[in-house]
Structure formats: C-alpha cells, structure tokens
C-alpha cells in the first residue's frame, strides 16, 4: 500500500522556488492553449498541419520559367538549363550595377595617375577583364607605362600617396602578398581594388586573362557555367586559394579542361544544364585527384588543348593543374598548388551532383539550382 506523506510549509516554500516551478509560473498556459487550439476543434485533425508553400528563388521572375522549372515531367537537364539562364540574367543585373561605380573609380584612378606620369595607364586584368567577375570579387588593376627611371624607386609608395588624397578612396594600404599591391576600398560602393605596378607576375596575369577571355568568347556556355560554380564555391567558403579552396583562375581552367573534352566543346548555352551536371559528376565522383594531373598543349592550328597525365605518386587528394601560360613545363607551374582543402572541394561537388540528380522540392531547396545556391540569392557586397 502506497504511503502518502504530508507536505510541510517549508517544503512548499522550497518547491515554489525551484526552476521548474518558476518556468511554469512564467508560462501563460491558458494563452498557449488558446493559440494552439481552434474553436471548432479542427486542430486535432491531421489535415490542420499543412505544408508551407515552397519559396520562389529570386532569380525566377518569369511565370513560364517558374512553371517549367517545377515541372518534373520535363528532363532535369532542361529544367536546370532554364534556371541557370535565369540566374545568370539576374546576376547580370547585379553585376552591371556594381560595375558602374568600379568603372567610375578606374577612370578617376587613370586621371590622377596620368598627372604623375603622362605615359602611365591603369589596366584591369583578372575576372573583371575576362567577363567572369562577381560583385563580391576584388578588382585587379595594373599600372603600366611608368617611366623606367621611376620604376627604380618606389612607385607603389608614390601611387599610395596619390590615391590616399583622392575623395573616392575610403582606405588604402600596401600589402605584401605574392605580388605586392595597394589594397584600396572604394568609398562609393565599399568594394575592393588591388593596384599593382607592372612586373613579371602582372604580365602573367594579363596573359592568363587573355586565355580566359578567349575561352568565354569562343564557348557560349563557359560564362554561365563559371558564374554558377564561382557563386556555389563562395557560399561554401571554398573560393579562395588563401583558405585552401579554388582560385577563380583554377576553377575556370577546370571548366575549360572539361569543355575541351570530346562532346563538350561544341555545347552552346542551351546545354549548360547538362554541362553543369557533367562537371559536378566528373570532378566530384570520377576524376582521380590523387593520381591525375592536367596539362596543356597548343595544336598545329594554334588552338589550346588539354590532356590528362598520370602522376608519379598518389597520396592525399590534391589538384595538379598546369598553367597554360607555360604549356611545355609539365608539373612545374601548378595553378592548384595552394588548394590544400581540395578534399572539401571534391566533397562539395559530389554532394551537389547527387542533390541535383535526386532533387525533390522543399521549403529549403525549391528548385534544382537552389541545391547549390540559396534561393534568397547570393550576397553582392
């Protein structure tokens, strides 16, 4: 038989001060119940808990495109192509807005540089010049035409003094990286500009830019493919060689190698969905990053080609990607040398491939492309 012991007054006082008692007192149970229960009792029916409507990605504003992308009877690569085109169109608008303030700043830079050296001029290179720039990317600028006698001094210090006095500059400082540059923050848009003087390294950058610009102009699907992948890697935090990810140059060279393979080179932008799936599958699941390298050669017609070769030793997952600027120096100039987090890059590509391949719409991933890029759109700052 259960014995019930009387509760004394001091026990009541202790229990009333307990955390559970305080929490219970702080909760207005009657208010909670009134909000959770419907007057007609329909809340007890399973149908009361309805699935929330999936959001529409910001890059889809055409009703016809929205309908097509959500139609599961249409082949996946066709739906993906439509969505990629819509995404690139959306990004083009963001890029054009961002470019206006950057180009204005470059014009102002040219004006003040020419006052110091009439023969000098600021020239863009990198993604801004190749057509693959994103609003979140830095703008690379090289000052060419500085007189030889002034090059013997410290031209960067002179340029720093010049830009610091300009009203369009918020902040400027010299940073010694692989290439010593002036890091400038633009006052109008808070975007970053790297200013360098002409050296062997910047000459290499200009030559690399020309290769990428040629690829973008000759392969219509190159730009949309690269824009999607650059945005994807940025969201994953894998878009910088300084943190072990892929540099923009390395990523676009991987795109170029894939597109130069038989059956891909002639793809126009109508096949970019198929190209994206193929890229993700190839580098995420098929390509052996431990034992394979990529190099380049120039064929008799003067066109750039790429070939894969077996590495002498295996080891950990890495990227051996020769620089096409030096096609005869196999294994010497490795563009992917800094990608020490290549295993994470490969994992991200593999996960993206399977997520799109077996896509099912949800509140978090309403469309195939939103498996890679959040439906609210990428940051542009």
Foldseek 3Di string as FASTA:
>chain_A
DDDDDDDDPVNVVVVCPDPVNVVVVVDPVVVVVPVQADPVRCSVPPVVDDADDADFFPLDDDPVLVVLQQDPVDDLLQNLLSSLVSQVVVQVVLVVVLVVLVVVVQVVLQVLVCVVPVQKHKDWFDCVLLVQDFLQDETEIEIPRDDPVCVVDCVQVVSQVRVVPDPQWPDWDWDDDVAIWIWTQGPVPRGIYTYHYDDPVVVLRRVLRVVSSVLCVQAQLLRSLLNLVCLLCVVVVQADLVVQHADSSRVSVLLVQLQLPPPRVPDHSSRNSVSLLVSLCCLQPNDQQFFKAKAWDQDPVRDIHMDIDTDPGGDDRFYAYADNVCRPDHSPHGSGPSNNVVVVVSNSSNQLSVCLVPPDAGNFQRGSSCSRPTSHDGDSD
